[in-house]
Amino acid sequence: MSGLTVGMRLCLTLLLFMAASMGKASTLYVHCGGNTGLTSIGAALKALHYSEDHGPSTINVSGACHENVVVQNTQQLTLNGVNGASISDTSNGNADVIDVDNSLVTINGLTITGGYDGIACYNTSSCQLLGNTIQGASDNAIFIYQISRATVNGGVLQNNGGGLAVQGDVAAKSLTVQNNAGIGVSLSNGGRLSFSKSVSMNNQGYGIWVQGANLTCRACTVTGDQDVGVYLDMGSVAMFAGYAGPIQISSNGAGVGVFVGDVVTANFQGTVSVTGNGGSLAIQCNSATSVTRNAITAAGGAANTNCTN
């Protein structure tokens, strides 16, 4: 065998070894409040940053963490809460508890308390949020900014300034948004939200507020909010998909169950019930440019809406 052939084989072996090393997964363990090892998520993130491994990484978190976490320029990171782990704000409400910047992150099973926003995802980030309880934020529990996306599966957003704020692209399933001081769910600036088998209830503002954005409500419930149940305005598009399961918009305190404003299209399909809300109309079309389909059926008859279809 020639020296050239041997050299080529050695180079190939070295390249394969380097590729395998670069793709190696890392798992770190953080015990907040502990005396040894990693005692903060920030310390674990620094360890990963200086590590030679650049594959998928998991940080298993236990204990009560008191810190504000910034995840920046990171791919395939999982923050996994173990045995009731929690993260609490230390900025007196001036910073987000978890900031995700230009990163792909999964956050699972944590109780997150305080901060400006509980979790903020921005700058082309992708956030998978699974079964978290987020409470006590002065602004929103979760804020997904433009050109970012998120999946929110399960969990509770409660006792915040607002619940879920969407300007990016979000799919939420089996989520409970409750007892917030302002709007339960807000969409704006071209945001898109699929709100599936989820509940917005007992919020002090609107249940769902949409301005210049796109809402799909699948088997959702909006109830007990102090303002309008679902408020749609300024070029928004809404699909109430009751064929995926019954939709209930009821017992919201002020105004109507569904408000349909300027240049808005609202389609009520399948089993949709808009009843028992504070206003005289269940569904109100507020403009000549409001367009609805099946609103009369969803409102329980023509006497309960001024929409023509």
C-alpha atoms as a PDB file:
ATOM      1  CA  MET A   1       0.000   0.000   0.000  1.00  0.00           C
ATOM      2  CA  SER A   2       1.426   3.363  -0.961  1.00  0.00           C
ATOM      3  CA  GLY A   3       2.263   6.049   1.572  1.00  0.00           C
ATOM      4  CA  LEU A   4      -0.220   8.350  -0.161  1.00  0.00           C
ATOM      5  CA  THR A   5      -3.067   5.854   0.321  1.00  0.00           C
ATOM      6  CA  VAL A   6      -2.187   5.346   3.987  1.00  0.00           C
ATOM      7  CA  GLY A   7      -2.101   9.106   4.500  1.00  0.00           C
ATOM      8  CA  MET A   8      -5.496   9.578   2.887  1.00  0.00           C
ATOM      9  CA  ARG A   9      -7.028   6.880   5.111  1.00  0.00           C
ATOM     10  CA  LEU A  10      -5.546   8.448   8.227  1.00  0.00           C
ATOM     11  CA  CYS A  11      -6.947  11.852   7.238  1.00  0.00           C
ATOM     12  CA  LEU A  12     -10.377  10.340   6.616  1.00  0.00           C
ATOM     13  CA  THR A  13     -10.342   8.585  10.001  1.00  0.00           C
ATOM     14  CA  LEU A  14      -9.359  11.830  11.731  1.00  0.00           C
ATOM     15  CA  LEU A  15     -12.153  13.777   9.997  1.00  0.00           C
ATOM     16  CA  LEU A  16     -14.751  11.179  10.989  1.00  0.00           C
ATOM     17  CA  PHE A  17     -13.518  11.292  14.592  1.00  0.00           C
ATOM     18  CA  MET A  18     -13.733  15.086  14.651  1.00  0.00           C
ATOM     19  CA  ALA A  19     -17.274  15.059  13.194  1.00  0.00           C
ATOM     20  CA  ALA A  20     -18.413  12.550  15.820  1.00  0.00           C
ATOM     21  CA  SER A  21     -16.883  14.654  18.587  1.00  0.00           C
ATOM     22  CA  MET A  22     -18.546  17.843  17.353  1.00  0.00           C
ATOM     23  CA  GLY A  23     -21.952  16.154  17.383  1.00  0.00           C
ATOM     24  CA  LYS A  24     -21.602  14.705  20.872  1.00  0.00           C
ATOM     25  CA  ALA A  25     -24.487  15.465  23.231  1.00  0.00           C
ATOM     26  CA  SER A  26     -23.802  17.008  26.644  1.00  0.00           C
ATOM     27  CA  THR A  27     -25.830  16.689  29.852  1.00  0.00           C
ATOM     28  CA  LEU A  28     -25.148  18.921  32.838  1.00  0.00           C
ATOM     29  CA  TYR A  29     -26.776  18.872  36.288  1.00  0.00           C
ATOM     30  CA  VAL A  30     -27.567  22.027  38.221  1.00  0.00           C
ATOM     31  CA  HIS A  31     -28.699  22.038  41.836  1.00  0.00           C
ATOM     32  CA  CYS A  32     -29.637  25.578  42.796  1.00  0.00           C
ATOM     33  CA  GLY A  33     -28.933  26.183  46.455  1.00  0.00           C
ATOM     34  CA  GLY A  34     -26.337  23.430  46.585  1.00  0.00           C
ATOM     35  CA  ASN A  35     -22.804  23.752  47.928  1.00  0.00           C
ATOM     36  CA  THR A  36     -20.882  21.833  45.285  1.00  0.00           C
ATOM     37  CA  GLY A  37     -20.945  21.356  41.525  1.00  0.00           C
ATOM     38  CA  LEU A  38     -23.020  23.619  39.314  1.00  0.00           C
ATOM     39  CA  THR A  39     -25.320  25.760  41.463  1.00  0.00           C
ATOM     40  CA  SER A  40     -26.827  28.051  38.812  1.00  0.00           C
ATOM     41  CA  ILE A  41     -28.110  27.778  35.249  1.00  0.00           C
ATOM     42  CA  GLY A  42     -25.834  30.670  34.278  1.00  0.00           C
ATOM     43  CA  ALA A  43     -22.799  28.693  35.386  1.00  0.00           C
ATOM     44  CA  ALA A  44     -23.934  25.688  33.339  1.00  0.00           C
ATOM     45  CA  LEU A  45     -24.403  27.856  30.251  1.00  0.00           C
ATOM     46  CA  LYS A  46     -20.868  29.200  30.661  1.00  0.00           C
ATOM     47  CA  ALA A  47     -19.549  25.650  30.961  1.00  0.00           C
ATOM     48  CA  LEU A  48     -21.290  24.697  27.722  1.00  0.00           C
ATOM     49  CA  HIS A  49     -19.979  27.807  25.999  1.00  0.00           C
ATOM     50  CA  TYR A  50     -16.372  26.871  26.800  1.00  0.00           C
ATOM     51  CA  SER A  51     -16.871  23.175  26.118  1.00  0.00           C
ATOM     52  CA  GLU A  52     -15.499  21.509  22.993  1.00  0.00           C
ATOM     53  CA  ASP A  53     -18.796  19.635  22.533  1.00  0.00           C
ATOM     54  CA  HIS A  54     -21.220  21.443  20.250  1.00  0.00           C
ATOM     55  CA  GLY A  55     -24.018  18.899  19.883  1.00  0.00           C
ATOM     56  CA  PRO A  56     -27.438  18.911  21.586  1.00  0.00           C
ATOM     57  CA  SER A  57     -27.155  19.903  25.257  1.00  0.00           C
ATOM     58  CA  THR A  58     -29.393  19.296  28.260  1.00  0.00           C
ATOM     59  CA  ILE A  59     -29.285  21.093  31.597  1.00  0.00           C
ATOM     60  CA  ASN A  60     -31.237  19.219  34.263  1.00  0.00           C
ATOM     61  CA  VAL A  61     -32.250  21.719  36.926  1.00  0.00           C
ATOM     62  CA  SER A  62     -33.322  21.010  40.509  1.00  0.00           C
ATOM     63  CA  GLY A  63     -33.890  23.270  43.495  1.00  0.00           C
ATOM     64  CA  ALA A  64     -34.931  26.924  43.682  1.00  0.00           C
ATOM     65  CA  CYS A  65     -32.853  29.083  41.326  1.00  0.00           C
ATOM     66  CA  HIS A  66     -32.663  32.845  41.866  1.00  0.00           C
ATOM     67  CA  GLU A  67     -31.255  34.323  38.668  1.00  0.00           C
ATOM     68  CA  ASN A  68     -32.056  35.870  35.307  1.00  0.00           C
ATOM     69  CA  VAL A  69     -31.023  33.576  32.481  1.00  0.00           C
ATOM     70  CA  VAL A  70     -29.840  34.669  29.022  1.00  0.00           C
ATOM     71  CA  VAL A  71     -29.590  32.003  26.313  1.00  0.00           C
ATOM     72  CA  GLN A  72     -27.835  33.543  23.317  1.00  0.00           C
ATOM     73  CA  ASN A  73     -26.662  32.111  19.989  1.00  0.00           C
ATOM     74  CA  THR A  74     -27.256  28.560  21.204  1.00  0.00           C
ATOM     75  CA  GLN A  75     -28.685  25.611  19.295  1.00  0.00           C
ATOM     76  CA  GLN A  76     -30.447  22.499  20.589  1.00  0.00           C
ATOM     77  CA  LEU A  77     -30.484  23.333  24.285  1.00  0.00           C
ATOM     78  CA  THR A  78     -32.959  21.808  26.751  1.00  0.00           C
ATOM     79  CA  LEU A  79     -33.619  23.291  30.201  1.00  0.00           C
ATOM     80  CA  ASN A  80     -35.324  20.476  32.056  1.00  0.00           C
ATOM     81  CA  GLY A  81     -36.955  21.074  35.445  1.00  0.00           C
ATOM     82  CA  VAL A  82     -36.639  18.161  37.883  1.00  0.00           C
ATOM     83  CA  ASN A  83     -38.649  17.580  41.070  1.00  0.00           C
ATOM     84  CA  GLY A  84     -40.426  20.939  41.099  1.00  0.00           C
ATOM     85  CA  ALA A  85     -37.486  23.110  40.084  1.00  0.00           C
ATOM     86  CA  SER A  86     -38.085  26.863  39.933  1.00  0.00           C
ATOM     87  CA  ILE A  87     -36.444  30.046  38.652  1.00  0.00           C
ATOM     88  CA  SER A  88     -37.215  33.402  40.296  1.00  0.00           C
ATOM     89  CA  ASP A  89     -36.342  36.918  39.140  1.00  0.00           C
ATOM     90  CA  THR A  90     -33.539  38.838  40.851  1.00  0.00           C
ATOM     91  CA  SER A  91     -33.902  42.089  38.877  1.00  0.00           C
ATOM     92  CA  ASN A  92     -36.923  43.498  40.691  1.00  0.00           C
ATOM     93  CA  GLY A  93     -38.962  43.152  37.498  1.00  0.00           C
ATOM     94  CA  ASN A  94     -36.510  44.951  35.231  1.00  0.00           C
ATOM     95  CA  ALA A  95     -35.291  41.939  33.231  1.00  0.00           C
ATOM     96  CA  ASP A  96     -36.921  38.824  31.810  1.00  0.00           C
ATOM     97  CA  VAL A  97     -36.451  35.679  33.857  1.00  0.00           C
ATOM     98  CA  ILE A  98     -35.438  33.725  30.724  1.00  0.00           C
ATOM     99  CA  ASP A  99     -34.274  35.582  27.610  1.00  0.00           C
ATOM    100  CA  VAL A 100     -33.877  33.492  24.440  1.00  0.00           C
ATOM    101  CA  ASP A 101     -31.919  35.339  21.753  1.00  0.00           C
ATOM    102  CA  ASN A 102     -31.164  33.755  18.357  1.00  0.00           C
ATOM    103  CA  SER A 103     -31.410  30.260  19.850  1.00  0.00           C
ATOM    104  CA  LEU A 104     -33.257  26.951  19.582  1.00  0.00           C
ATOM    105  CA  VAL A 105     -34.377  26.007  23.095  1.00  0.00           C
ATOM    106  CA  THR A 106     -36.726  23.622  24.909  1.00  0.00           C
ATOM    107  CA  ILE A 107     -37.873  24.680  28.400  1.00  0.00           C
ATOM    108  CA  ASN A 108     -39.661  21.937  30.279  1.00  0.00           C
ATOM    109  CA  GLY A 109     -41.371  21.575  33.657  1.00  0.00           C
ATOM    110  CA  LEU A 110     -40.210  24.743  35.421  1.00  0.00           C
ATOM    111  CA  THR A 111     -42.004  27.190  37.700  1.00  0.00           C
ATOM    112  CA  ILE A 112     -40.918  30.680  36.623  1.00  0.00           C
ATOM    113  CA  THR A 113     -41.728  33.627  38.883  1.00  0.00           C
ATOM    114  CA  GLY A 114     -41.428  37.379  38.451  1.00  0.00           C
ATOM    115  CA  GLY A 115     -39.399  39.382  35.983  1.00  0.00           C
ATOM    116  CA  TYR A 116     -40.497  41.779  33.270  1.00  0.00           C
ATOM    117  CA  ASP A 117     -41.527  38.891  31.003  1.00  0.00           C
ATOM    118  CA  GLY A 118     -41.306  35.355  32.311  1.00  0.00           C
ATOM    119  CA  ILE A 119     -39.942  34.010  29.001  1.00  0.00           C
ATOM    120  CA  ALA A 120     -39.087  36.167  25.977  1.00  0.00           C
ATOM    121  CA  CYS A 121     -38.107  34.625  22.622  1.00  0.00           C
ATOM    122  CA  TYR A 122     -36.761  36.948  19.932  1.00  0.00           C
ATOM    123  CA  ASN A 123     -34.278  37.475  17.103  1.00  0.00           C
ATOM    124  CA  THR A 124     -35.153  34.342  15.044  1.00  0.00           C
ATOM    125  CA  SER A 125     -35.398  32.083  18.093  1.00  0.00           C
ATOM    126  CA  SER A 126     -37.397  28.858  18.245  1.00  0.00           C
ATOM    127  CA  CYS A 127     -38.788  28.018  21.686  1.00  0.00           C
ATOM    128  CA  GLN A 128     -40.510  24.812  22.741  1.00  0.00           C
ATOM    129  CA  LEU A 129     -42.227  25.419  26.084  1.00  0.00           C
ATOM    130  CA  LEU A 130     -43.595  22.307  27.768  1.00  0.00           C
ATOM    131  CA  GLY A 131     -45.620  22.183  30.974  1.00  0.00           C
ATOM    132  CA  ASN A 132     -44.248  25.302  32.636  1.00  0.00           C
ATOM    133  CA  THR A 133     -46.006  27.427  35.261  1.00  0.00           C
ATOM    134  CA  ILE A 134     -45.230  31.119  34.745  1.00  0.00           C
ATOM    135  CA  GLN A 135     -46.445  33.669  37.274  1.00  0.00           C
ATOM    136  CA  GLY A 136     -45.830  37.109  38.714  1.00  0.00           C
ATOM    137  CA  ALA A 137     -44.272  38.786  35.637  1.00  0.00           C
ATOM    138  CA  SER A 138     -44.935  42.528  35.498  1.00  0.00           C
ATOM    139  CA  ASP A 139     -45.486  42.434  31.714  1.00  0.00           C
ATOM    140  CA  ASN A 140     -46.324  39.087  30.067  1.00  0.00           C
ATOM    141  CA  ALA A 141     -45.764  35.501  31.089  1.00  0.00           C
ATOM    142  CA  ILE A 142     -44.567  34.655  27.557  1.00  0.00           C
ATOM    143  CA  PHE A 143     -43.671  37.070  24.757  1.00  0.00           C
ATOM    144  CA  ILE A 144     -42.856  35.661  21.302  1.00  0.00           C
ATOM    145  CA  TYR A 145     -41.515  38.482  19.153  1.00  0.00           C
ATOM    146  CA  GLN A 146     -41.581  38.924  15.382  1.00  0.00           C
ATOM    147  CA  ILE A 147     -39.484  36.508  13.271  1.00  0.00           C
ATOM    148  CA  SER A 148     -39.466  34.029  16.167  1.00  0.00           C
ATOM    149  CA  ARG A 149     -41.667  31.018  16.778  1.00  0.00           C
ATOM    150  CA  ALA A 150     -42.795  28.838  19.638  1.00  0.00           C
ATOM    151  CA  THR A 151     -44.699  25.724  20.582  1.00  0.00           C
ATOM    152  CA  VAL A 152     -46.443  25.959  23.956  1.00  0.00           C
ATOM    153  CA  ASN A 153     -47.760  22.596  25.101  1.00  0.00           C
ATOM    154  CA  GLY A 154     -49.507  22.467  28.471  1.00  0.00           C
ATOM    155  CA  GLY A 155     -48.716  24.662  31.427  1.00  0.00           C
ATOM    156  CA  VAL A 156     -50.318  27.586  33.264  1.00  0.00           C
ATOM    157  CA  LEU A 157     -49.816  31.352  32.830  1.00  0.00           C
ATOM    158  CA  GLN A 158     -51.265  33.079  35.878  1.00  0.00           C
ATOM    159  CA  ASN A 159     -51.130  36.260  37.953  1.00  0.00           C
ATOM    160  CA  ASN A 160     -48.961  38.178  35.474  1.00  0.00           C
ATOM    161  CA  GLY A 161     -49.491  41.590  33.925  1.00  0.00           C
ATOM    162  CA  GLY A 162     -50.604  39.706  30.794  1.00  0.00           C
ATOM    163  CA  GLY A 163     -50.576  36.093  29.711  1.00  0.00           C
ATOM    164  CA  LEU A 164     -49.391  35.095  26.220  1.00  0.00           C
ATOM    165  CA  ALA A 165     -48.206  37.863  23.828  1.00  0.00           C
ATOM    166  CA  VAL A 166     -47.632  36.886  20.191  1.00  0.00           C
ATOM    167  CA  GLN A 167     -45.980  38.827  17.379  1.00  0.00           C
ATOM    168  CA  GLY A 168     -44.300  35.790  15.838  1.00  0.00           C
ATOM    169  CA  ASP A 169     -45.656  32.326  15.002  1.00  0.00           C
ATOM    170  CA  VAL A 170     -47.068  30.251  17.895  1.00  0.00           C
ATOM    171  CA  ALA A 171     -48.909  26.963  18.329  1.00  0.00           C
ATOM    172  CA  ALA A 172     -50.418  26.590  21.814  1.00  0.00           C
ATOM    173  CA  LYS A 173     -52.158  23.412  22.964  1.00  0.00           C
ATOM    174  CA  SER A 174     -53.700  22.467  26.324  1.00  0.00           C
ATOM    175  CA  LEU A 175     -52.589  25.795  27.811  1.00  0.00           C
ATOM    176  CA  THR A 176     -54.396  27.588  30.663  1.00  0.00           C
ATOM    177  CA  VAL A 177     -54.146  31.400  30.797  1.00  0.00           C
ATOM    178  CA  GLN A 178     -55.854  32.696  33.937  1.00  0.00           C
ATOM    179  CA  ASN A 179     -56.151  35.432  36.548  1.00  0.00           C
ATOM    180  CA  ASN A 180     -53.839  37.883  34.797  1.00  0.00           C
ATOM    181  CA  ALA A 181     -54.130  41.618  35.523  1.00  0.00           C
ATOM    182  CA  GLY A 182     -54.480  42.557  31.851  1.00  0.00           C
ATOM    183  CA  ILE A 183     -55.142  40.728  28.587  1.00  0.00           C
ATOM    184  CA  GLY A 184     -55.080  36.946  28.659  1.00  0.00           C
ATOM    185  CA  VAL A 185     -53.846  36.411  25.087  1.00  0.00           C
ATOM    186  CA  SER A 186     -52.691  39.232  22.767  1.00  0.00           C
ATOM    187  CA  LEU A 187     -51.745  39.072  19.075  1.00  0.00           C
ATOM    188  CA  SER A 188     -50.372  41.967  17.042  1.00  0.00           C
ATOM    189  CA  ASN A 189     -47.947  43.045  14.294  1.00  0.00           C
ATOM    190  CA  GLY A 190     -48.707  40.150  11.959  1.00  0.00           C
ATOM    191  CA  GLY A 191     -48.485  37.450  14.622  1.00  0.00           C
ATOM    192  CA  ARG A 192     -50.104  34.053  14.110  1.00  0.00           C
ATOM    193  CA  LEU A 193     -51.536  31.873  16.847  1.00  0.00           C
ATOM    194  CA  SER A 194     -53.165  28.461  16.876  1.00  0.00           C
ATOM    195  CA  PHE A 195     -54.918  28.282  20.271  1.00  0.00           C
ATOM    196  CA  SER A 196     -55.960  24.639  20.510  1.00  0.00           C
ATOM    197  CA  LYS A 197     -57.865  22.971  23.379  1.00  0.00           C
ATOM    198  CA  SER A 198     -56.706  25.878  25.504  1.00  0.00           C
ATOM    199  CA  VAL A 199     -58.431  28.227  27.958  1.00  0.00           C
ATOM    200  CA  SER A 200     -58.272  31.978  28.602  1.00  0.00           C
ATOM    201  CA  MET A 201     -60.293  32.710  31.737  1.00  0.00           C
ATOM    202  CA  ASN A 202     -60.787  35.144  34.604  1.00  0.00           C
ATOM    203  CA  ASN A 203     -58.376  37.731  33.227  1.00  0.00           C
ATOM    204  CA  GLN A 204     -59.004  41.382  34.077  1.00  0.00           C
ATOM    205  CA  GLY A 205     -58.733  42.541  30.451  1.00  0.00           C
ATOM    206  CA  TYR A 206     -59.775  40.905  27.171  1.00  0.00           C
ATOM    207  CA  GLY A 207     -59.747  37.150  26.988  1.00  0.00           C
ATOM    208  CA  ILE A 208     -58.131  37.289  23.524  1.00  0.00           C
ATOM    209  CA  TRP A 209     -57.143  40.572  21.812  1.00  0.00           C
ATOM    210  CA  VAL A 210     -56.140  40.545  18.135  1.00  0.00           C
ATOM    211  CA  GLN A 211     -54.966  43.545  16.086  1.00  0.00           C
ATOM    212  CA  GLY A 212     -53.471  43.081  12.635  1.00  0.00           C
ATOM    213  CA  ALA A 213     -52.849  39.384  13.261  1.00  0.00           C
ATOM    214  CA  ASN A 214     -54.169  35.880  12.588  1.00  0.00           C
ATOM    215  CA  LEU A 215     -55.980  33.713  15.157  1.00  0.00           C
ATOM    216  CA  THR A 216     -57.125  30.112  14.866  1.00  0.00           C
ATOM    217  CA  CYS A 217     -59.170  28.997  17.865  1.00  0.00           C
ATOM    218  CA  ARG A 218     -59.555  25.205  17.951  1.00  0.00           C
ATOM    219  CA  ALA A 219     -61.795  23.747  20.640  1.00  0.00           C
ATOM    220  CA  CYS A 220     -60.890  26.706  22.835  1.00  0.00           C
ATOM    221  CA  THR A 221     -62.674  28.260  25.824  1.00  0.00           C
ATOM    222  CA  VAL A 222     -62.797  31.968  26.664  1.00  0.00           C
ATOM    223  CA  THR A 223     -64.734  32.621  29.854  1.00  0.00           C
ATOM    224  CA  GLY A 224     -64.991  34.848  32.908  1.00  0.00           C
ATOM    225  CA  ASP A 225     -62.792  37.647  31.554  1.00  0.00           C
ATOM    226  CA  GLN A 226     -63.711  41.152  32.674  1.00  0.00           C
ATOM    227  CA  ASP A 227     -63.667  42.732  29.196  1.00  0.00           C
ATOM    228  CA  VAL A 228     -64.714  41.448  25.752  1.00  0.00           C
ATOM    229  CA  GLY A 229     -64.149  37.736  25.295  1.00  0.00           C
ATOM    230  CA  VAL A 230     -62.477  37.949  21.852  1.00  0.00           C
ATOM    231  CA  TYR A 231     -61.656  41.372  20.358  1.00  0.00           C
ATOM    232  CA  LEU A 232     -60.712  41.433  16.648  1.00  0.00           C
ATOM    233  CA  ASP A 233     -59.628  44.631  14.878  1.00  0.00           C
ATOM    234  CA  MET A 234     -57.487  46.291  12.176  1.00  0.00           C
ATOM    235  CA  GLY A 235     -57.224  43.712   9.408  1.00  0.00           C
ATOM    236  CA  SER A 236     -57.233  40.601  11.581  1.00  0.00           C
ATOM    237  CA  VAL A 237     -58.350  37.166  10.434  1.00  0.00           C
ATOM    238  CA  ALA A 238     -59.955  34.694  12.847  1.00  0.00           C
ATOM    239  CA  MET A 239     -61.045  31.096  12.400  1.00  0.00           C
ATOM    240  CA  PHE A 240     -63.145  29.559  15.177  1.00  0.00           C
ATOM    241  CA  ALA A 241     -62.718  25.873  14.379  1.00  0.00           C
ATOM    242  CA  GLY A 242     -65.458  24.162  16.343  1.00  0.00           C
ATOM    243  CA  TYR A 243     -65.186  21.010  14.258  1.00  0.00           C
ATOM    244  CA  ALA A 244     -62.026  20.178  16.257  1.00  0.00           C
ATOM    245  CA  GLY A 245     -64.141  20.230  19.457  1.00  0.00           C
ATOM    246  CA  PRO A 246     -66.748  22.592  20.951  1.00  0.00           C
ATOM    247  CA  ILE A 247     -65.818  26.258  21.356  1.00  0.00           C
ATOM    248  CA  GLN A 248     -67.290  28.166  24.308  1.00  0.00           C
ATOM    249  CA  ILE A 249     -67.106  31.967  24.628  1.00  0.00           C
ATOM    250  CA  SER A 250     -69.208  32.803  27.656  1.00  0.00           C
ATOM    251  CA  SER A 251     -69.612  34.800  30.881  1.00  0.00           C
ATOM    252  CA  ASN A 252     -67.191  37.555  29.859  1.00  0.00           C
ATOM    253  CA  GLY A 253     -68.090  40.675  31.776  1.00  0.00           C
ATOM    254  CA  ALA A 254     -67.998  43.801  29.604  1.00  0.00           C
ATOM    255  CA  GLY A 255     -69.248  44.328  26.089  1.00  0.00           C
ATOM    256  CA  VAL A 256     -69.859  41.405  23.768  1.00  0.00           C
ATOM    257  CA  GLY A 257     -68.600  37.872  23.420  1.00  0.00           C
ATOM    258  CA  VAL A 258     -66.848  38.538  20.078  1.00  0.00           C
ATOM    259  CA  PHE A 259     -66.158  42.024  18.688  1.00  0.00           C
ATOM    260  CA  VAL A 260     -65.509  42.152  14.909  1.00  0.00           C
ATOM    261  CA  GLY A 261     -63.895  45.475  13.937  1.00  0.00           C
ATOM    262  CA  ASP A 262     -62.447  47.197  10.869  1.00  0.00           C
ATOM    263  CA  VAL A 263     -61.366  45.049   7.913  1.00  0.00           C
ATOM    264  CA  VAL A 264     -61.775  41.867   9.942  1.00  0.00           C
ATOM    265  CA  THR A 265     -62.781  38.422   8.703  1.00  0.00           C
ATOM    266  CA  ALA A 266     -64.211  35.997  11.259  1.00  0.00           C
ATOM    267  CA  ASN A 267     -65.352  32.496  10.367  1.00  0.00           C
ATOM    268  CA  PHE A 268     -67.340  30.401  12.868  1.00  0.00           C
ATOM    269  CA  GLN A 269     -67.282  26.717  11.886  1.00  0.00           C
ATOM    270  CA  GLY A 270     -68.642  23.652  13.636  1.00  0.00           C
ATOM    271  CA  THR A 271     -69.846  23.792  17.245  1.00  0.00           C
ATOM    272  CA  VAL A 272     -69.300  27.383  18.398  1.00  0.00           C
ATOM    273  CA  SER A 273     -71.328  28.876  21.256  1.00  0.00           C
ATOM    274  CA  VAL A 274     -71.123  32.589  22.108  1.00  0.00           C
ATOM    275  CA  THR A 275     -73.556  33.095  24.989  1.00  0.00           C
ATOM    276  CA  GLY A 276     -74.061  34.748  28.358  1.00  0.00           C
ATOM    277  CA  ASN A 277     -71.626  37.627  27.927  1.00  0.00           C
ATOM    278  CA  GLY A 278     -72.071  41.121  29.359  1.00  0.00           C
ATOM    279  CA  GLY A 279     -73.279  42.998  26.265  1.00  0.00           C
ATOM    280  CA  SER A 280     -76.649  42.961  24.549  1.00  0.00           C
ATOM    281  CA  LEU A 281     -75.083  41.303  21.496  1.00  0.00           C
ATOM    282  CA  ALA A 282     -73.205  38.014  21.521  1.00  0.00           C
ATOM    283  CA  ILE A 283     -71.244  38.886  18.349  1.00  0.00           C
ATOM    284  CA  GLN A 284     -70.930  42.512  17.230  1.00  0.00           C
ATOM    285  CA  CYS A 285     -69.897  43.612  13.745  1.00  0.00           C
ATOM    286  CA  ASN A 286     -68.689  47.169  14.278  1.00  0.00           C
ATOM    287  CA  SER A 287     -67.925  48.238  10.704  1.00  0.00           C
ATOM    288  CA  ALA A 288     -69.144  47.958   7.134  1.00  0.00           C
ATOM    289  CA  THR A 289     -65.814  46.229   6.483  1.00  0.00           C
ATOM    290  CA  SER A 290     -66.483  43.481   9.067  1.00  0.00           C
ATOM    291  CA  VAL A 291     -67.016  40.146   7.340  1.00  0.00           C
ATOM    292  CA  THR A 292     -68.317  37.054   9.123  1.00  0.00           C
ATOM    293  CA  ARG A 293     -69.511  33.589   8.247  1.00  0.00           C
ATOM    294  CA  ASN A 294     -71.952  31.624  10.451  1.00  0.00           C
ATOM    295  CA  ALA A 295     -71.986  34.358  13.124  1.00  0.00           C
ATOM    296  CA  ILE A 296     -75.770  34.157  13.418  1.00  0.00           C
ATOM    297  CA  THR A 297     -75.592  30.460  14.249  1.00  0.00           C
ATOM    298  CA  ALA A 298     -72.727  30.917  16.715  1.00  0.00           C
ATOM    299  CA  ALA A 299     -74.608  33.737  18.464  1.00  0.00           C
ATOM    300  CA  GLY A 300     -77.719  31.603  18.882  1.00  0.00           C
ATOM    301  CA  GLY A 301     -79.855  33.521  16.416  1.00  0.00           C
ATOM    302  CA  ALA A 302     -80.178  36.823  14.552  1.00  0.00           C
ATOM    303  CA  ALA A 303     -81.470  38.596  17.669  1.00  0.00           C
ATOM    304  CA  ASN A 304     -78.058  38.170  19.294  1.00  0.00           C
ATOM    305  CA  THR A 305     -75.863  39.717  16.566  1.00  0.00           C
ATOM    306  CA  ASN A 306     -75.888  42.572  14.088  1.00  0.00           C
ATOM    307  CA  CYS A 307     -73.685  40.588  11.678  1.00  0.00           C
ATOM    308  CA  THR A 308     -75.538  39.587   8.514  1.00  0.00           C
ATOM    309  CA  ASN A 309     -74.113  36.109   8.147  1.00  0.00           C
END
